[in-house]
Protein backbone atom coordinates (compact mmCIF):
# COMPACT_ATOMS: atom_id res chain seq x y z
CA SER A 1 -14.62 6.59 53.31
CA GLU A 2 -11.61 8.82 52.74
CA LYS A 3 -8.48 7.39 51.18
CA PRO A 4 -5.64 6.86 53.65
CA TYR A 5 -2.23 8.48 53.44
CA ALA A 6 1.09 6.73 53.84
CA TRP A 7 3.80 8.92 55.34
CA PHE A 8 7.35 8.59 56.59
CA ILE A 9 9.82 11.14 57.98
CA SER A 10 13.54 10.53 58.37
CA TYR A 11 16.64 12.41 59.49
CA ALA A 12 20.34 11.65 59.17
CA LYS A 13 23.72 13.33 58.98
CA THR A 14 26.23 12.98 56.18
CA ASP A 15 29.79 11.88 56.93
CA ASN A 16 30.78 15.56 57.22
CA GLY A 17 27.94 16.28 59.66
CA SER A 18 25.50 18.04 57.32
CA PRO A 19 21.90 17.29 58.30
CA VAL A 20 19.48 15.72 55.83
CA ALA A 21 15.74 15.52 56.47
CA VAL A 22 13.26 13.77 54.19
CA ALA A 23 9.47 13.71 54.45
CA VAL A 24 7.33 11.61 52.10
CA VAL A 25 3.54 11.57 51.87
CA VAL A 26 1.81 9.21 49.44
CA GLU A 27 -1.72 10.34 48.60
CA ASP A 28 -4.19 8.36 46.54
CA GLY A 29 -1.91 5.35 46.28
CA ASN A 30 -3.17 2.55 44.07
CA ALA A 31 -2.57 -0.03 46.81
CA ASN A 32 -5.38 -1.71 48.71
CA ARG A 33 -6.35 0.08 51.91
CA ASP A 34 -4.96 -2.77 54.04
CA ASP A 35 -1.59 -2.53 52.27
CA ILE A 36 -1.10 1.20 52.85
CA SER A 37 1.50 1.97 55.50
CA GLY A 38 4.36 4.38 55.95
CA GLY A 39 6.83 1.52 56.15
CA GLY A 40 5.46 -0.23 53.09
CA LEU A 41 4.91 2.65 50.67
CA ALA A 42 6.57 5.86 51.86
CA ALA A 43 9.72 4.52 53.57
CA PRO A 44 11.24 2.99 50.42
CA ILE A 45 10.84 6.35 48.65
CA ALA A 46 12.40 8.18 51.62
CA ARG A 47 15.29 5.68 51.65
CA ASP A 48 16.02 6.28 47.95
CA VAL A 49 15.90 10.08 48.35
CA MET A 50 18.07 9.97 51.49
CA LYS A 51 20.62 7.73 49.77
CA ALA A 52 20.75 10.00 46.71
CA VAL A 53 21.31 13.10 48.85
CA ILE A 54 23.96 11.49 51.05
CA ASP A 55 25.75 9.98 48.05
CA SER A 56 25.79 13.38 46.31
CA LYS A 57 27.45 14.99 49.38
CA GLN A 58 30.39 12.56 49.42
């Protein structure tokens, strides 16, 4: 069977109103098939990227 993808998309605005959009796709993750989910694998990456972008805009 094909390997599953974990994905997560997020959107926010900085304190000054600038939009920030982040999309993360994890392909060929080393996790077990049952452990692959957007919330489990991709969301933590998206959170870190979003935080870095928002922090850099302040």
